[in-house]
Amino acid sequence: MKSELKRKGYCRQLSFQAFRRGALALLRIPLAAGTGAPDRSSAQSSFPTIVAALIWLGVTVTATLLMVAYANAPGQPGSPPMTWPKSSQVPRDADHPTLVMFVHPHCPCSKASISELALLMTYCREQINAHVFFLKPAQMAQDWALTASWREASAIPYVTVHCDEAGREAQLFHAATSGDTVLYDAKGNLLFHGGMTISRGHLGDNPGRSLLQTLVLDQSAQQTQNPVLHTPVFGCSLFEAECQKGSVECKQ
């Protein structure tokens, strides 16, 4: 709840700052015309400037609101199988929960997801079998997936990084958005699916990481978990045509 209030407060702050900048611009207009008594000619000459300032203010506020709306718009949710898919190449741990995250290597939003995974692993470490799959379309060269996000994920202790050829594993687990994460218990039952950020590219406390940490460290939570927990995923599409091209990065 505190994170949600903090996020809403941040959105309002952005809008207020844009309005304040526009208002200050309007207040400077009379100063630019001089300090003498206003007359009709000066008022007429300043009218176009006032109109331009109002238009600028409207555009600024609109752009700010659009950016805030985009940052808080979740991607398409996944629909992973309720039990571990037998054809998966991921080595499932029979003694610990297994976590799998699917990432588009060129998605800027997913850098935050990887950072949240790194934080989760500082608490869970050897209590979880964690894997990150980076999408590589069939037509792309191998190094297309070897981005900064790949290197950051590879540096996380106890995390294994894979190249997901043609998105095979992502499709097997029905993942659609970069950052989508699934958690299965030691018996192969789905416990959680969703994201680990509260908005696109946003670092900080979030329900996804908190739920995963509880499920991994609290055995009783795994045994009593019903129905499956899920959270929104904030990231770029894994299989959208634009995101399959090597010459075009995912939407910023």
Protein backbone atom coordinates (compact mmCIF):
# COMPACT_ATOMS: atom_id res chain seq x y z
CA MET A 1 0.00 0.00 0.00
CA LYS A 2 2.83 2.41 0.85
CA SER A 3 4.48 1.67 -2.48
CA GLU A 4 1.21 2.35 -4.31
CA LEU A 5 0.73 5.65 -2.48
CA LYS A 6 4.31 6.59 -3.19
CA ARG A 7 3.84 5.84 -6.89
CA LYS A 8 0.64 7.89 -7.10
CA GLY A 9 2.32 10.74 -5.29
CA TYR A 10 5.17 10.62 -7.77
CA CYS A 11 2.71 10.81 -10.70
CA ARG A 12 0.97 13.81 -9.17
CA GLN A 13 4.34 15.46 -8.55
CA LEU A 14 5.27 15.12 -12.23
CA SER A 15 2.02 16.79 -13.32
CA PHE A 16 2.40 19.57 -10.74
CA GLN A 17 5.97 20.28 -11.81
CA ALA A 18 4.91 20.58 -15.45
CA PHE A 19 2.08 22.97 -14.50
CA ARG A 20 4.42 25.05 -12.34
CA ARG A 21 6.94 25.44 -15.15
CA GLY A 22 4.18 26.62 -17.48
CA ALA A 23 2.80 29.06 -14.92
CA LEU A 24 6.23 30.58 -14.32
CA ALA A 25 6.64 31.03 -18.06
CA LEU A 26 3.38 32.98 -18.18
CA LEU A 27 4.44 35.17 -15.27
CA ARG A 28 7.64 36.14 -17.08
CA ILE A 29 5.73 37.53 -20.09
CA PRO A 30 4.89 40.96 -18.57
CA LEU A 31 8.48 41.32 -17.39
CA ALA A 32 9.76 40.80 -20.93
CA ALA A 33 7.58 43.69 -22.17
CA GLY A 34 8.93 46.14 -19.57
CA THR A 35 7.72 47.52 -16.27
CA GLY A 36 5.78 50.48 -17.58
CA ALA A 37 2.01 50.84 -17.49
CA PRO A 38 0.30 48.43 -19.84
CA ASP A 39 -1.46 49.81 -22.92
CA ARG A 40 -3.54 48.29 -25.69
CA SER A 41 -0.63 47.97 -28.12
CA SER A 42 1.55 46.13 -25.63
CA ALA A 43 -1.33 43.84 -24.70
CA GLN A 44 -1.94 43.05 -28.36
CA SER A 45 1.76 42.40 -28.98
CA SER A 46 2.00 40.03 -26.01
CA PHE A 47 -1.16 38.11 -26.89
CA PRO A 48 0.56 35.71 -29.36
CA THR A 49 3.21 34.99 -26.73
CA ILE A 50 0.54 34.17 -24.16
CA VAL A 51 -1.22 31.85 -26.59
CA ALA A 52 2.08 30.13 -27.42
CA ALA A 53 2.84 29.71 -23.72
CA LEU A 54 -0.59 28.20 -23.07
CA ILE A 55 -0.13 25.77 -25.96
CA TRP A 56 3.31 24.83 -24.64
CA LEU A 57 1.87 24.28 -21.18
CA GLY A 58 -0.88 22.06 -22.55
CA VAL A 59 1.57 20.00 -24.59
CA THR A 60 3.92 19.60 -21.62
CA VAL A 61 1.18 18.47 -19.25
CA THR A 62 -0.27 16.09 -21.85
CA ALA A 63 3.14 14.57 -22.60
CA THR A 64 3.82 14.12 -18.89
CA LEU A 65 0.50 12.40 -18.33
CA LEU A 66 1.08 10.12 -21.32
CA MET A 67 4.51 9.12 -20.01
CA VAL A 68 3.08 8.38 -16.57
CA ALA A 69 0.26 6.34 -18.12
CA TYR A 70 2.71 4.34 -20.24
CA ALA A 71 4.99 3.66 -17.27
CA ASN A 72 2.05 2.25 -15.33
CA ALA A 73 0.52 0.22 -18.17
CA PRO A 74 1.24 -3.50 -17.65
CA GLY A 75 2.12 -5.80 -20.51
CA GLN A 76 0.18 -8.85 -21.61
CA PRO A 77 -0.04 -11.29 -18.68
CA GLY A 78 1.29 -14.80 -19.02
CA SER A 79 -0.73 -17.98 -18.56
CA PRO A 80 1.80 -20.60 -17.47
CA PRO A 81 0.83 -24.27 -17.05
CA MET A 82 -0.25 -25.29 -13.58
CA THR A 83 2.36 -28.06 -13.52
CA TRP A 84 5.93 -28.03 -14.76
CA PRO A 85 6.08 -28.72 -18.52
CA LYS A 86 7.93 -31.99 -19.05
CA SER A 87 9.43 -30.87 -22.36
CA SER A 88 11.20 -27.89 -20.76
CA GLN A 89 14.98 -27.89 -20.93
CA VAL A 90 15.22 -26.13 -17.57
CA PRO A 91 16.67 -28.46 -14.93
CA ARG A 92 13.98 -28.40 -12.24
CA ASP A 93 15.19 -28.82 -8.66
CA ALA A 94 13.49 -31.67 -6.80
CA ASP A 95 14.49 -30.20 -3.42
CA HIS A 96 13.88 -26.47 -3.88
CA PRO A 97 11.49 -24.17 -5.76
CA THR A 98 12.50 -23.33 -9.33
CA LEU A 99 12.20 -19.78 -10.66
CA VAL A 100 12.34 -18.87 -14.35
CA MET A 101 12.38 -15.30 -15.71
CA PHE A 102 11.93 -14.49 -19.40
CA VAL A 103 13.63 -11.36 -20.73
CA HIS A 104 13.86 -9.51 -24.04
CA PRO A 105 17.56 -8.53 -24.21
CA HIS A 106 16.77 -5.09 -25.69
CA CYS A 107 13.93 -4.16 -23.33
CA PRO A 108 15.00 -1.16 -21.21
CA CYS A 109 12.21 -1.85 -18.70
CA SER A 110 13.64 -5.26 -17.81
CA LYS A 111 16.84 -3.86 -16.36
CA ALA A 112 14.80 -3.10 -13.26
CA SER A 113 13.41 -6.65 -13.23
CA ILE A 114 16.94 -8.05 -13.26
CA SER A 115 17.95 -5.72 -10.43
CA GLU A 116 14.96 -6.90 -8.39
CA LEU A 117 15.95 -10.51 -9.07
CA ALA A 118 19.45 -9.74 -7.81
CA LEU A 119 17.96 -8.36 -4.60
CA LEU A 120 15.70 -11.40 -4.21
CA MET A 121 18.70 -13.70 -4.53
CA THR A 122 20.52 -11.95 -1.69
CA TYR A 123 17.80 -13.33 0.59
CA CYS A 124 17.07 -16.67 -1.07
CA ARG A 125 20.46 -17.70 -2.47
CA GLU A 126 20.73 -21.51 -2.22
CA GLN A 127 17.05 -21.89 -1.31
CA ILE A 128 15.95 -21.42 -4.92
CA ASN A 129 16.89 -22.77 -8.35
CA ALA A 130 16.85 -19.61 -10.51
CA HIS A 131 17.14 -19.26 -14.29
CA VAL A 132 16.87 -16.33 -16.72
CA PHE A 133 16.07 -16.95 -20.40
CA PHE A 134 16.95 -14.22 -22.91
CA LEU A 135 14.92 -14.29 -26.10
CA LYS A 136 16.80 -14.78 -29.38
CA PRO A 137 14.67 -14.82 -32.53
CA ALA A 138 15.63 -17.53 -35.01
CA GLN A 139 16.85 -15.02 -37.61
CA MET A 140 19.14 -13.15 -35.21
CA ALA A 141 22.84 -13.83 -34.60
CA GLN A 142 23.92 -15.29 -31.28
CA ASP A 143 25.40 -12.03 -30.00
CA TRP A 144 22.05 -10.23 -30.48
CA ALA A 145 21.06 -11.45 -27.02
CA LEU A 146 24.40 -10.64 -25.36
CA THR A 147 23.43 -7.19 -24.09
CA ALA A 148 24.14 -5.33 -20.86
CA SER A 149 21.07 -6.99 -19.35
CA TRP A 150 22.58 -10.40 -20.12
CA ARG A 151 25.82 -9.43 -18.39
CA GLU A 152 23.97 -8.08 -15.36
CA ALA A 153 21.93 -11.27 -15.00
CA SER A 154 25.03 -13.43 -15.46
CA ALA A 155 26.69 -11.63 -12.57
CA ILE A 156 23.96 -12.57 -10.07
CA PRO A 157 25.14 -15.39 -7.78
CA TYR A 158 23.14 -18.64 -7.97
CA VAL A 159 21.41 -17.58 -11.21
CA THR A 160 21.86 -19.49 -14.48
CA VAL A 161 21.45 -17.54 -17.73
CA HIS A 162 20.29 -19.14 -20.99
CA CYS A 163 19.72 -18.10 -24.60
CA ASP A 164 16.11 -18.87 -25.53
CA GLU A 165 16.36 -19.94 -29.16
CA ALA A 166 13.29 -18.74 -31.09
CA GLY A 167 11.56 -18.16 -27.74
CA ARG A 168 10.97 -21.88 -27.27
CA GLU A 169 10.96 -21.84 -23.45
CA ALA A 170 8.97 -18.59 -23.28
CA GLN A 171 6.27 -20.15 -25.44
CA LEU A 172 6.36 -23.37 -23.44
CA PHE A 173 5.63 -21.39 -20.26
CA HIS A 174 3.19 -19.07 -22.13
CA ALA A 175 5.19 -15.92 -21.31
CA ALA A 176 4.33 -12.86 -23.41
CA THR A 177 6.04 -9.90 -21.72
CA SER A 178 9.67 -9.29 -20.86
CA GLY A 179 10.22 -9.71 -17.13
CA ASP A 180 7.53 -12.38 -16.77
CA THR A 181 8.56 -14.71 -13.95
CA VAL A 182 7.23 -18.09 -12.84
CA LEU A 183 7.87 -20.03 -9.64
CA TYR A 184 7.18 -23.75 -9.22
CA ASP A 185 7.57 -25.74 -6.03
CA ALA A 186 9.83 -28.78 -5.67
CA LYS A 187 7.01 -31.04 -6.87
CA GLY A 188 6.46 -29.00 -10.03
CA ASN A 189 3.30 -27.13 -9.00
CA LEU A 190 2.87 -23.50 -10.03
CA LEU A 191 3.06 -21.10 -7.09
CA PHE A 192 3.44 -17.69 -8.72
CA HIS A 193 3.60 -15.89 -12.05
CA GLY A 194 3.98 -12.20 -12.87
CA GLY A 195 6.48 -9.37 -12.59
CA MET A 196 8.87 -8.02 -9.99
CA THR A 197 8.46 -4.28 -10.57
CA ILE A 198 5.62 -1.91 -9.69
CA SER A 199 5.84 -0.07 -13.04
CA ARG A 200 8.03 0.03 -16.15
CA GLY A 201 11.67 0.36 -15.17
CA HIS A 202 10.81 1.22 -11.56
CA LEU A 203 13.08 -0.04 -8.77
CA GLY A 204 11.85 -0.44 -5.21
CA ASP A 205 9.60 -2.49 -2.97
CA ASN A 206 6.92 -4.32 -4.92
CA PRO A 207 4.38 -7.11 -4.34
CA GLY A 208 6.05 -9.49 -6.81
CA ARG A 209 9.40 -9.66 -5.07
CA SER A 210 7.78 -9.78 -1.63
CA LEU A 211 5.53 -12.69 -2.61
CA LEU A 212 8.40 -14.62 -4.18
CA GLN A 213 10.58 -14.14 -1.12
CA THR A 214 7.82 -15.39 1.16
CA LEU A 215 7.06 -18.41 -1.02
CA VAL A 216 10.72 -19.42 -1.23
CA LEU A 217 11.64 -18.98 2.41
CA ASP A 218 8.37 -20.09 4.04
CA GLN A 219 7.66 -23.76 3.38
CA SER A 220 4.22 -23.48 4.95
CA ALA A 221 3.29 -20.77 2.43
CA GLN A 222 4.08 -23.20 -0.39
CA GLN A 223 1.91 -25.93 1.10
CA THR A 224 -1.10 -23.71 1.68
CA GLN A 225 -0.85 -21.65 -1.52
CA ASN A 226 -4.16 -21.77 -3.39
CA PRO A 227 -4.98 -20.17 -5.76
CA VAL A 228 -1.78 -19.27 -7.61
CA LEU A 229 -0.49 -15.79 -6.81
CA HIS A 230 0.14 -13.39 -9.66
CA THR A 231 1.15 -9.76 -10.24
CA PRO A 232 1.18 -7.50 -13.34
CA VAL A 233 4.22 -7.60 -15.63
CA PHE A 234 5.73 -4.31 -16.81
CA GLY A 235 7.92 -4.69 -19.87
CA CYS A 236 8.15 -4.95 -23.65
CA SER A 237 6.44 -7.63 -25.67
CA LEU A 238 8.52 -10.75 -26.25
CA PHE A 239 6.97 -11.64 -29.58
CA GLU A 240 5.70 -8.36 -31.06
CA ALA A 241 7.02 -7.96 -34.62
CA GLU A 242 8.89 -4.75 -33.81
CA CYS A 243 10.69 -6.42 -30.92
CA GLN A 244 11.83 -9.29 -33.13
CA LYS A 245 14.00 -7.02 -35.30
CA GLY A 246 17.67 -6.64 -34.65
CA SER A 247 17.80 -3.08 -35.98
CA VAL A 248 15.04 -1.75 -33.74
CA GLU A 249 15.07 -1.73 -29.96
CA CYS A 250 11.90 -2.29 -28.02
CA LYS A 251 9.72 0.68 -27.15
CA GLN A 252 11.35 3.12 -24.76
